[in-house]
Amino acid sequence: MPPQPAHLKRDANAADTESYRDSISTVDKQGKRVWVYPKKSHGKFTNWRSRFGYALLALLFAGPFIKIGGEPLLMINLVERRFVFFGQSFWPQDFLIFVVGFITFIVFVALFTVAFGRLFCGWACPQTVFMDQVFRRIEYTIEGDWKQRQALDKGPLTGDKIRKKTLKHVLFFGISFLIGNTFLAYIIGSDALLHIVRDPSSKHMVGLIAMTVFSGVFYANFAFFREQACTTVCPYGRLQGVLLDRKSIVIAYDHVRGEPRGLVRKGEERSASGKGDCIDCRACVHECPTGIDIRNGTQLECVNCTACIDACDHMMDSVGLPRGLVRYASESGIAEKKPFRFTTRMKAYSAVLTLLIGVIVALLVTRTDVETTVLRNPGTLFQKQDDGRISNLYRFKVVNKTSRDMPIHFVLLDAKGEVKLVGKELDLQKAQLMEGEMFIILDPGQMSGYNTEVTVGVFTGEKLLEKVRTSFIGPMAKRS
């Protein structure tokens, strides 16, 4: 964790004020779950997050049906080992691009966290977006705000309680089933999913059972597990403890302005009575979806959801004090009034990130339309033809990385000889992997010993797509 706020360091009972770090806010001393009832939040940050969240949800559900050049916007087909990003197909042969892309993503996460903390968690993480913009809104509509939900859960099992709980959980599971099918569309494609939906369920009973189980996992997460996914399972919260420092922008409480805390008294001049601007109303705690007190400083459970900012701003408006007691800021900015600047560490991450992006761009620009592998058939030797020529049998794989069909043929480039396909001519469909066998036939005069390297050109029409080198074996030359 980054250095703690100065008001905690100055406290004579600092050990006591730091005791909250010894446990998670949603688990009590006996290890039992503490259920969190966050108050429904309102304010400008909540409105901005809602709009952004709804845009992400619209993109998520529409994504499988958006086509670019006949290909989906995004598809991760693990069965066929084909991956589509923005209409471009990628295959296991593009492994290097995947590796560099993954490293770039990790560096980006590190840079973003160093500079802006867990901004992604509060604004774009699917767990937060679904929880805040979908499931909690259903809960608020059916069961009411936090006090009503607390009373409902603690109250006796009445007919009204059964109706509300049943309706809520039916909707929760229905939405979870929709989410599960959306993710399936990203794996097998929207066309395949729609075909399955139109078919009788008896034809896909195994798949239906698997989807029901998968949806049950989503349902259990959003109905019961909730913030535990962020505080217990997600590694990002632990990662921020390594990456954040005093100059990182996080959601922070201005302890310089807020301390010492004190309740509002009618007609009181707070500065004259030695009180800070914090009126100790605990509104920030009541609206926190992970149940923490942001006034204790940066914590593992904080996902930067901005609910505490809106809650505090509302209370500041109510008592006539300036907004911003809780805001986006750094500990250095609060304690020392220093403006945000890119640190040396941020610049180093940025340089590495820029280099990696350059490598990815270079790999994408130099990526060929097809990728071909030509290997001699294992366990076979050369054959001598009736006309005296020598032939070798090869297996080939050709991947069409484009979104268009193309006829393919092979030509020897650096030796006089012939290429004969076993079977029909190659008509390579878009985004298709094709395998087959072929003979390469050479005149003995073209060979330079037992093992000769030859170059095979892969053509579509008159256009050379790729050159592939392979070995050709023949009889040993006779000694004189």
Protein backbone atom coordinates (compact mmCIF):
# COMPACT_ATOMS: atom_id res chain seq x y z
CA MET A 1 0.00 0.00 0.00
CA PRO A 2 1.15 3.60 -0.54
CA PRO A 3 2.23 5.74 2.45
CA GLN A 4 -0.66 6.54 4.75
CA PRO A 5 -2.33 9.93 5.19
CA ALA A 6 -0.59 12.27 7.56
CA HIS A 7 -3.55 12.42 9.96
CA LEU A 8 -3.13 8.69 10.60
CA LYS A 9 0.60 9.07 11.20
CA ARG A 10 0.04 11.91 13.64
CA ASP A 11 -2.51 9.93 15.61
CA ALA A 12 -1.14 8.75 18.92
CA ASN A 13 -3.18 5.59 18.54
CA ALA A 14 -1.96 4.88 15.03
CA ALA A 15 -1.99 1.14 15.67
CA ASP A 16 -5.69 1.33 16.42
CA THR A 17 -6.49 3.45 13.35
CA GLU A 18 -4.63 0.94 11.18
CA SER A 19 -6.48 -2.08 12.60
CA TYR A 20 -8.92 -2.02 9.65
CA ARG A 21 -6.09 -3.33 7.48
CA ASP A 22 -5.96 -6.57 9.46
CA SER A 23 -9.27 -7.78 8.04
CA ILE A 24 -11.62 -7.41 5.10
CA SER A 25 -14.63 -5.17 5.64
CA THR A 26 -17.08 -7.87 4.48
CA VAL A 27 -15.86 -10.55 6.91
CA ASP A 28 -16.29 -10.32 10.71
CA LYS A 29 -13.89 -11.51 13.40
CA GLN A 30 -15.47 -14.96 13.41
CA GLY A 31 -14.91 -15.28 9.66
CA LYS A 32 -18.59 -14.91 8.76
CA ARG A 33 -19.84 -12.92 5.81
CA VAL A 34 -20.93 -9.36 6.55
CA TRP A 35 -23.64 -8.56 4.02
CA VAL A 36 -23.24 -5.10 2.50
CA TYR A 37 -26.34 -2.94 1.87
CA PRO A 38 -25.04 0.03 -0.14
CA LYS A 39 -27.31 3.03 -0.28
CA LYS A 40 -28.48 4.01 -3.75
CA SER A 41 -26.11 6.69 -4.97
CA HIS A 42 -26.91 9.87 -6.91
CA GLY A 43 -24.74 12.59 -8.37
CA LYS A 44 -22.71 13.61 -11.39
CA PHE A 45 -20.14 10.81 -11.15
CA THR A 46 -22.90 8.22 -10.74
CA ASN A 47 -24.63 9.63 -13.83
CA TRP A 48 -21.42 9.58 -15.88
CA ARG A 49 -20.63 6.04 -14.78
CA SER A 50 -24.18 4.93 -15.62
CA ARG A 51 -23.98 6.33 -19.14
CA PHE A 52 -20.56 4.80 -19.70
CA GLY A 53 -21.73 1.47 -18.25
CA TYR A 54 -24.82 1.34 -20.46
CA ALA A 55 -22.65 2.06 -23.51
CA LEU A 56 -20.38 -0.84 -22.56
CA LEU A 57 -23.36 -3.14 -22.05
CA ALA A 58 -24.81 -2.17 -25.43
CA LEU A 59 -21.45 -2.91 -27.07
CA LEU A 60 -21.16 -6.24 -25.23
CA PHE A 61 -24.58 -7.54 -26.27
CA ALA A 62 -24.37 -6.14 -29.82
CA GLY A 63 -20.74 -7.20 -30.38
CA PRO A 64 -21.38 -10.73 -31.72
CA PHE A 65 -23.85 -9.37 -34.29
CA ILE A 66 -21.63 -6.55 -35.59
CA LYS A 67 -19.82 -7.64 -38.74
CA ILE A 68 -16.75 -6.10 -40.39
CA GLY A 69 -16.07 -7.44 -43.86
CA GLY A 70 -18.31 -10.41 -43.15
CA GLU A 71 -16.45 -11.28 -39.94
CA PRO A 72 -17.63 -10.58 -36.38
CA LEU A 73 -16.26 -7.67 -34.39
CA LEU A 74 -14.84 -10.11 -31.84
CA MET A 75 -14.79 -13.90 -31.67
CA ILE A 76 -12.63 -16.24 -29.61
CA ASN A 77 -13.30 -19.65 -31.13
CA LEU A 78 -11.26 -22.02 -28.97
CA VAL A 79 -12.73 -25.09 -30.69
CA GLU A 80 -11.48 -24.15 -34.17
CA ARG A 81 -8.52 -22.18 -32.74
CA ARG A 82 -9.58 -19.08 -34.65
CA PHE A 83 -9.67 -15.62 -33.12
CA VAL A 84 -11.25 -12.57 -34.73
CA PHE A 85 -10.49 -9.02 -33.63
CA PHE A 86 -12.16 -6.12 -35.46
CA GLY A 87 -12.90 -8.35 -38.45
CA GLN A 88 -9.34 -9.73 -38.77
CA SER A 89 -8.80 -13.46 -38.26
CA PHE A 90 -5.87 -14.71 -36.22
CA TRP A 91 -4.65 -18.29 -35.85
CA PRO A 92 -2.19 -20.17 -33.61
CA GLN A 93 0.42 -19.35 -36.27
CA ASP A 94 0.11 -15.73 -35.08
CA PHE A 95 1.31 -16.77 -31.63
CA LEU A 96 4.01 -14.09 -31.55
CA ILE A 97 1.39 -11.36 -32.00
CA PHE A 98 -0.63 -12.81 -29.11
CA VAL A 99 2.43 -12.92 -26.84
CA VAL A 100 3.47 -9.34 -27.60
CA GLY A 101 -0.14 -8.18 -27.29
CA PHE A 102 -0.50 -9.84 -23.87
CA ILE A 103 2.74 -8.28 -22.62
CA THR A 104 1.56 -4.90 -23.93
CA PHE A 105 -1.72 -5.30 -22.05
CA ILE A 106 0.12 -6.11 -18.80
CA VAL A 107 2.38 -3.06 -19.18
CA PHE A 108 -0.65 -0.89 -19.95
CA VAL A 109 -2.41 -2.13 -16.80
CA ALA A 110 0.72 -1.38 -14.76
CA LEU A 111 1.08 2.13 -16.22
CA PHE A 112 -2.60 2.88 -15.82
CA THR A 113 -2.59 1.70 -12.21
CA VAL A 114 0.56 3.65 -11.34
CA ALA A 115 -1.00 6.83 -12.72
CA PHE A 116 -4.72 6.47 -11.98
CA GLY A 117 -5.20 3.61 -9.53
CA ARG A 118 -8.17 1.28 -10.01
CA LEU A 119 -10.07 3.52 -12.40
CA PHE A 120 -10.75 0.50 -14.65
CA CYS A 121 -12.39 -1.38 -11.74
CA GLY A 122 -14.89 1.34 -11.01
CA TRP A 123 -15.78 2.31 -14.56
CA ALA A 124 -15.20 -0.58 -16.98
CA CYS A 125 -14.79 -3.88 -15.12
CA PRO A 126 -17.64 -6.25 -16.14
CA GLN A 127 -18.17 -7.24 -12.51
CA THR A 128 -18.77 -3.62 -11.49
CA VAL A 129 -20.77 -2.68 -14.59
CA PHE A 130 -23.16 -5.62 -14.33
CA MET A 131 -23.49 -5.30 -10.56
CA ASP A 132 -24.16 -1.54 -10.45
CA GLN A 133 -26.01 -0.95 -13.72
CA VAL A 134 -28.09 -4.14 -13.90
CA PHE A 135 -28.44 -6.32 -10.82
CA ARG A 136 -28.48 -3.66 -8.09
CA ARG A 137 -30.90 -1.53 -10.08
CA ILE A 138 -33.29 -4.50 -10.25
CA GLU A 139 -32.82 -4.98 -6.52
CA TYR A 140 -33.51 -1.31 -5.74
CA THR A 141 -36.65 -1.40 -7.91
CA ILE A 142 -38.10 -4.54 -6.31
CA GLU A 143 -36.89 -4.38 -2.70
CA GLY A 144 -36.24 -0.67 -2.17
CA ASP A 145 -33.20 1.23 -0.90
CA TRP A 146 -30.75 0.01 1.73
CA LYS A 147 -32.96 0.43 4.81
CA GLN A 148 -35.91 -1.31 3.14
CA ARG A 149 -33.69 -4.21 2.04
CA GLN A 150 -32.20 -4.56 5.51
CA ALA A 151 -35.67 -4.67 7.02
CA LEU A 152 -36.88 -7.15 4.40
CA ASP A 153 -33.99 -9.54 5.00
CA LYS A 154 -34.32 -9.37 8.78
CA GLY A 155 -38.10 -9.59 8.76
CA PRO A 156 -40.29 -12.73 8.91
CA LEU A 157 -41.07 -14.86 5.86
CA THR A 158 -44.26 -13.23 4.61
CA GLY A 159 -46.08 -13.53 1.31
CA ASP A 160 -44.76 -10.12 0.22
CA LYS A 161 -41.18 -11.16 0.99
CA ILE A 162 -41.58 -14.41 -0.97
CA ARG A 163 -42.99 -12.56 -3.98
CA LYS A 164 -40.20 -9.97 -3.99
CA LYS A 165 -37.40 -12.47 -3.51
CA THR A 166 -38.81 -14.84 -6.14
CA LEU A 167 -39.24 -12.09 -8.72
CA LYS A 168 -35.75 -10.76 -8.06
CA HIS A 169 -34.00 -14.11 -8.37
CA VAL A 170 -35.99 -15.15 -11.44
CA LEU A 171 -34.89 -11.94 -13.15
CA PHE A 172 -31.32 -12.45 -11.92
CA PHE A 173 -31.16 -15.94 -13.41
CA GLY A 174 -32.83 -14.85 -16.66
CA ILE A 175 -30.27 -12.08 -17.17
CA SER A 176 -27.46 -14.48 -16.23
CA PHE A 177 -28.73 -16.90 -18.89
CA LEU A 178 -28.72 -14.05 -21.44
CA ILE A 179 -25.16 -13.14 -20.43
CA GLY A 180 -24.07 -16.76 -20.78
CA ASN A 181 -25.52 -16.99 -24.29
CA THR A 182 -23.85 -13.71 -25.24
CA PHE A 183 -20.46 -15.06 -24.19
CA LEU A 184 -21.21 -18.25 -26.14
CA ALA A 185 -21.84 -16.09 -29.23
CA TYR A 186 -18.34 -14.66 -28.79
CA ILE A 187 -16.98 -18.23 -28.89
CA ILE A 188 -18.95 -19.93 -31.68
CA GLY A 189 -20.26 -16.88 -33.55
CA SER A 190 -23.72 -15.29 -33.63
CA ASP A 191 -24.86 -17.29 -36.69
CA ALA A 192 -24.11 -20.61 -34.98
CA LEU A 193 -25.85 -19.45 -31.80
CA LEU A 194 -29.00 -18.37 -33.65
CA HIS A 195 -29.04 -21.72 -35.44
CA ILE A 196 -28.92 -23.51 -32.08
CA VAL A 197 -31.68 -21.29 -30.68
CA ARG A 198 -33.98 -22.09 -33.63
CA ASP A 199 -33.40 -25.83 -33.33
CA PRO A 200 -35.45 -27.95 -30.90
CA SER A 201 -33.75 -28.04 -27.50
CA SER A 202 -33.68 -31.86 -27.68
CA LYS A 203 -30.98 -31.60 -30.38
CA HIS A 204 -28.65 -29.67 -28.06
CA MET A 205 -29.53 -31.10 -24.64
CA VAL A 206 -25.91 -31.42 -23.51
CA GLY A 207 -25.17 -27.86 -24.56
CA LEU A 208 -28.34 -26.62 -22.84
CA ILE A 209 -27.34 -28.30 -19.59
CA ALA A 210 -23.83 -26.83 -19.84
CA MET A 211 -25.27 -23.37 -20.52
CA THR A 212 -27.62 -23.69 -17.54
CA VAL A 213 -24.71 -24.58 -15.27
CA PHE A 214 -22.63 -21.72 -16.73
CA SER A 215 -25.53 -19.31 -16.19
CA GLY A 216 -25.85 -20.60 -12.63
CA VAL A 217 -22.27 -19.53 -11.96
CA PHE A 218 -23.06 -16.01 -13.20
CA TYR A 219 -26.25 -15.97 -11.14
CA ALA A 220 -24.47 -17.08 -7.96
CA ASN A 221 -21.79 -14.44 -8.50
CA PHE A 222 -24.15 -11.50 -8.91
CA ALA A 223 -26.84 -12.69 -6.49
CA PHE A 224 -24.65 -13.85 -3.60
CA PHE A 225 -20.88 -13.54 -4.11
CA ARG A 226 -20.96 -9.91 -5.27
CA GLU A 227 -18.20 -7.69 -3.86
CA GLN A 228 -16.32 -10.77 -2.62
CA ALA A 229 -15.16 -11.23 -6.22
CA CYS A 230 -13.31 -7.91 -5.94
CA THR A 231 -12.02 -8.24 -2.39
CA THR A 232 -11.20 -11.97 -2.29
CA VAL A 233 -10.75 -13.37 -5.80
CA CYS A 234 -9.57 -10.59 -8.12
CA PRO A 235 -5.75 -10.20 -8.06
CA TYR A 236 -5.91 -6.59 -9.22
CA GLY A 237 -6.56 -5.32 -5.69
CA ARG A 238 -3.34 -6.95 -4.51
CA LEU A 239 -1.50 -5.64 -7.56
CA GLN A 240 -2.38 -2.04 -6.72
CA GLY A 241 -0.56 -2.39 -3.40
CA VAL A 242 2.66 -2.95 -5.34
CA LEU A 243 2.09 -0.32 -8.04
CA LEU A 244 0.52 2.64 -6.22
CA ASP A 245 2.61 5.33 -4.60
CA ARG A 246 1.99 8.78 -3.09
CA LYS A 247 1.73 10.36 -6.54
CA SER A 248 -0.93 7.99 -7.93
CA ILE A 249 -4.37 9.46 -8.55
CA VAL A 250 -6.96 7.57 -6.49
CA ILE A 251 -10.24 8.36 -4.77
CA ALA A 252 -8.95 10.05 -1.64
CA TYR A 253 -10.25 11.83 1.43
CA ASP A 254 -8.72 15.27 2.01
CA HIS A 255 -7.60 14.76 5.61
CA VAL A 256 -5.87 18.16 5.67
CA ARG A 257 -9.16 19.92 5.14
CA GLY A 258 -11.45 17.39 6.84
CA GLU A 259 -9.73 16.74 10.19
CA PRO A 260 -10.59 16.87 13.00
CA ARG A 261 -14.07 15.53 12.34
CA GLY A 262 -17.13 16.76 14.16
CA LEU A 263 -20.89 16.84 13.88
CA VAL A 264 -22.64 19.95 12.62
CA ARG A 265 -24.01 22.31 15.28
CA LYS A 266 -26.54 24.98 14.37
CA GLY A 267 -24.92 28.40 13.98
CA GLU A 268 -21.45 26.97 14.64
CA GLU A 269 -18.33 28.41 13.01
CA ARG A 270 -16.32 25.24 12.36
CA SER A 271 -12.92 26.91 12.00
CA ALA A 272 -13.41 28.78 15.28
CA SER A 273 -14.36 25.57 17.10
CA GLY A 274 -11.30 23.75 15.73
CA LYS A 275 -13.26 21.36 13.52
CA GLY A 276 -12.47 20.33 9.98
CA ASP A 277 -14.97 20.09 7.16
CA CYS A 278 -15.80 16.41 7.71
CA ILE A 279 -19.14 16.35 9.55
CA ASP A 280 -18.77 12.62 10.36
CA CYS A 281 -22.11 11.77 8.73
CA ARG A 282 -20.81 8.44 7.35
CA ALA A 283 -22.65 9.01 4.07
CA CYS A 284 -19.52 7.86 2.21
CA VAL A 285 -19.58 4.59 4.19
CA HIS A 286 -23.32 4.00 3.64
CA GLU A 287 -22.98 4.27 -0.16
CA CYS A 288 -19.78 2.21 -0.49
CA PRO A 289 -20.52 -1.10 -2.28
CA THR A 290 -17.63 -2.82 -0.47
CA GLY A 291 -18.43 -1.42 2.98
CA ILE A 292 -15.21 0.53 3.67
CA ASP A 293 -14.55 3.95 5.14
CA ILE A 294 -12.61 5.93 2.53
CA ARG A 295 -11.46 8.31 5.28
CA ASN A 296 -9.03 5.61 6.42
CA GLY A 297 -7.05 6.02 3.22
CA THR A 298 -6.44 3.81 0.16
CA GLN A 299 -7.61 0.27 0.84
CA LEU A 300 -7.60 -3.10 -0.88
CA GLU A 301 -11.41 -3.15 -1.14
CA CYS A 302 -11.78 0.24 -2.86
CA VAL A 303 -12.70 -0.16 -6.54
CA ASN A 304 -12.81 3.59 -7.29
CA CYS A 305 -16.53 3.55 -8.02
CA THR A 306 -16.98 7.26 -7.02
CA ALA A 307 -20.08 6.56 -4.86
CA CYS A 308 -18.35 8.15 -1.87
CA ILE A 309 -17.53 11.29 -3.89
CA ASP A 310 -21.18 11.87 -4.80
CA ALA A 311 -22.32 11.10 -1.24
CA CYS A 312 -19.84 13.53 0.30
CA ASP A 313 -20.53 16.27 -2.25
CA HIS A 314 -24.26 16.01 -1.48
CA MET A 315 -23.61 16.40 2.25
CA MET A 316 -21.23 19.32 1.68
CA ASP A 317 -23.95 21.05 -0.34
CA SER A 318 -26.44 20.40 2.49
CA VAL A 319 -24.30 22.12 5.14
CA GLY A 320 -22.93 24.88 2.89
CA LEU A 321 -19.35 23.65 2.69
CA PRO A 322 -17.23 23.38 -0.49
CA ARG A 323 -17.35 20.15 -2.50
CA GLY A 324 -14.31 17.93 -3.04
CA LEU A 325 -13.64 16.68 0.48
CA VAL A 326 -13.53 13.24 -1.16
CA ARG A 327 -12.23 13.44 -4.72
CA TYR A 328 -9.81 12.11 -7.30
CA ALA A 329 -6.41 13.12 -5.93
CA SER A 330 -3.03 11.79 -4.83
CA GLU A 331 -1.74 11.63 -1.27
CA SER A 332 1.11 13.91 -2.34
CA GLY A 333 -1.38 16.36 -3.85
CA ILE A 334 -3.44 16.47 -0.66
CA ALA A 335 -0.64 16.59 1.90
CA GLU A 336 1.82 18.77 0.00
CA LYS A 337 -0.47 20.56 -2.50
CA LYS A 338 1.60 19.23 -5.38
CA PRO A 339 -0.03 19.05 -8.83
CA PHE A 340 -0.12 15.76 -10.73
CA ARG A 341 3.02 15.06 -12.76
CA PHE A 342 4.32 12.07 -14.69
CA THR A 343 6.95 10.43 -12.50
CA THR A 344 10.12 8.73 -13.73
CA ARG A 345 8.43 5.35 -13.24
CA MET A 346 5.46 6.43 -15.34
CA LYS A 347 7.79 7.66 -18.08
CA ALA A 348 9.66 4.35 -18.05
CA TYR A 349 6.42 2.38 -18.36
CA SER A 350 5.28 4.71 -21.15
CA ALA A 351 8.53 4.19 -23.07
CA VAL A 352 8.22 0.40 -22.82
CA LEU A 353 4.53 0.58 -23.78
CA THR A 354 5.31 2.73 -26.82
CA LEU A 355 8.01 0.27 -27.91
CA LEU A 356 5.67 -2.70 -27.56
CA ILE A 357 2.90 -0.95 -29.49
CA GLY A 358 5.44 -0.27 -32.24
CA VAL A 359 6.36 -3.97 -32.33
CA ILE A 360 2.68 -4.96 -32.59
CA VAL A 361 2.11 -2.50 -35.43
CA ALA A 362 5.17 -3.86 -37.26
CA LEU A 363 3.96 -7.45 -36.82
CA LEU A 364 0.50 -6.57 -38.10
CA VAL A 365 1.84 -4.64 -41.11
CA THR A 366 4.21 -7.46 -42.11
CA ARG A 367 1.62 -10.18 -41.49
CA THR A 368 0.97 -12.19 -44.67
CA ASP A 369 -2.48 -12.98 -46.06
CA VAL A 370 -1.76 -16.69 -45.82
CA GLU A 371 0.58 -18.78 -43.72
CA THR A 372 1.82 -22.06 -45.15
CA THR A 373 3.69 -25.01 -43.68
CA VAL A 374 5.19 -27.61 -46.01
CA LEU A 375 6.85 -30.66 -44.40
CA ARG A 376 7.98 -33.96 -45.78
CA ASN A 377 5.61 -36.78 -44.91
CA PRO A 378 7.23 -38.52 -41.91
CA GLY A 379 8.42 -42.08 -42.43
CA THR A 380 8.55 -41.86 -46.26
CA LEU A 381 11.57 -41.93 -48.57
CA PHE A 382 11.99 -40.57 -52.07
CA GLN A 383 10.48 -42.36 -55.07
CA LYS A 384 11.99 -42.77 -58.51
CA GLN A 385 9.61 -42.04 -61.38
CA ASP A 386 9.50 -43.93 -64.70
CA ASP A 387 11.12 -40.97 -66.46
CA GLY A 388 14.05 -40.96 -64.00
CA ARG A 389 12.92 -38.02 -61.92
CA ILE A 390 12.78 -38.13 -58.09
CA SER A 391 9.65 -37.35 -56.07
CA ASN A 392 9.01 -36.61 -52.38
CA LEU A 393 5.64 -36.68 -50.65
CA TYR A 394 4.77 -33.64 -48.47
CA ARG A 395 2.00 -32.60 -46.14
CA PHE A 396 0.96 -28.96 -46.20
CA LYS A 397 -1.22 -26.64 -44.13
CA VAL A 398 -2.46 -23.33 -45.51
CA VAL A 399 -4.26 -20.74 -43.37
CA ASN A 400 -6.28 -18.01 -45.08
CA LYS A 401 -6.08 -15.03 -42.71
CA THR A 402 -8.26 -12.79 -44.84
CA SER A 403 -12.03 -12.38 -45.15
CA ARG A 404 -12.08 -13.31 -48.86
CA ASP A 405 -11.91 -16.59 -50.78
CA MET A 406 -8.82 -17.29 -52.87
CA PRO A 407 -7.67 -20.13 -55.14
CA ILE A 408 -4.18 -21.34 -54.19
CA HIS A 409 -1.50 -23.11 -56.20
CA PHE A 410 2.17 -23.97 -55.53
CA VAL A 411 5.14 -23.30 -57.78
CA LEU A 412 8.81 -24.25 -57.37
CA LEU A 413 10.84 -21.03 -57.45
CA ASP A 414 14.53 -21.99 -57.36
CA ALA A 415 14.57 -25.36 -59.11
CA LYS A 416 13.14 -26.84 -62.29
CA GLY A 417 10.53 -29.32 -61.28
CA GLU A 418 6.87 -29.97 -60.75
CA VAL A 419 4.36 -29.77 -57.92
CA LYS A 420 1.48 -32.25 -58.03
CA LEU A 421 -1.43 -32.00 -55.60
CA VAL A 422 -2.98 -35.17 -54.23
CA GLY A 423 -6.65 -34.55 -54.84
CA LYS A 424 -8.51 -31.52 -56.16
CA GLU A 425 -7.26 -27.99 -56.66
CA LEU A 426 -7.16 -25.72 -53.64
CA ASP A 427 -10.00 -23.26 -53.29
CA LEU A 428 -9.19 -21.71 -49.94
CA GLN A 429 -12.25 -20.21 -48.27
CA LYS A 430 -12.06 -17.10 -46.12
CA ALA A 431 -10.67 -17.59 -42.62
CA GLN A 432 -10.13 -21.28 -43.34
CA LEU A 433 -7.39 -23.77 -42.50
CA MET A 434 -6.80 -26.34 -45.24
CA GLU A 435 -4.58 -29.42 -45.09
CA GLY A 436 -3.48 -31.78 -47.85
CA GLU A 437 -0.69 -33.69 -49.54
CA MET A 438 1.41 -32.99 -52.60
CA PHE A 439 4.40 -34.36 -54.51
CA ILE A 440 7.45 -32.32 -55.44
CA ILE A 441 9.22 -33.88 -58.42
CA LEU A 442 12.79 -32.92 -59.41
CA ASP A 443 15.23 -33.96 -62.08
CA PRO A 444 18.34 -35.55 -60.50
CA GLY A 445 20.40 -32.77 -62.07
CA GLN A 446 18.61 -30.22 -59.90
CA MET A 447 19.74 -31.90 -56.70
CA SER A 448 22.87 -30.97 -54.77
CA GLY A 449 23.37 -34.19 -52.83
CA TYR A 450 21.23 -36.32 -50.55
CA ASN A 451 19.41 -33.33 -49.04
CA THR A 452 18.49 -30.30 -51.15
CA GLU A 453 16.64 -27.20 -49.97
CA VAL A 454 13.89 -26.01 -52.29
CA THR A 455 11.66 -22.94 -52.19
CA VAL A 456 7.95 -23.27 -52.83
CA GLY A 457 5.96 -20.20 -53.83
CA VAL A 458 2.34 -19.88 -52.73
CA PHE A 459 0.32 -18.06 -55.40
CA THR A 460 -3.20 -16.85 -55.92
CA GLY A 461 -3.49 -16.16 -59.61
CA GLU A 462 -0.26 -14.36 -60.57
CA LYS A 463 0.27 -12.88 -57.10
CA LEU A 464 2.98 -14.38 -54.92
CA LEU A 465 1.66 -14.59 -51.35
CA GLU A 466 4.46 -16.36 -49.53
CA LYS A 467 7.70 -18.30 -49.93
CA VAL A 468 8.21 -21.52 -48.00
CA ARG A 469 11.51 -23.44 -47.76
CA THR A 470 11.57 -27.20 -47.27
CA SER A 471 14.02 -30.09 -47.77
CA PHE A 472 14.07 -32.57 -50.63
CA ILE A 473 15.90 -35.89 -50.35
CA GLY A 474 17.17 -38.13 -53.09
CA PRO A 475 19.66 -40.92 -53.75
CA MET A 476 23.23 -40.53 -52.59
CA ALA A 477 25.60 -39.47 -55.33
CA LYS A 478 27.80 -42.32 -56.59
CA ARG A 479 31.46 -42.13 -55.69
CA SER A 480 33.88 -42.17 -58.57
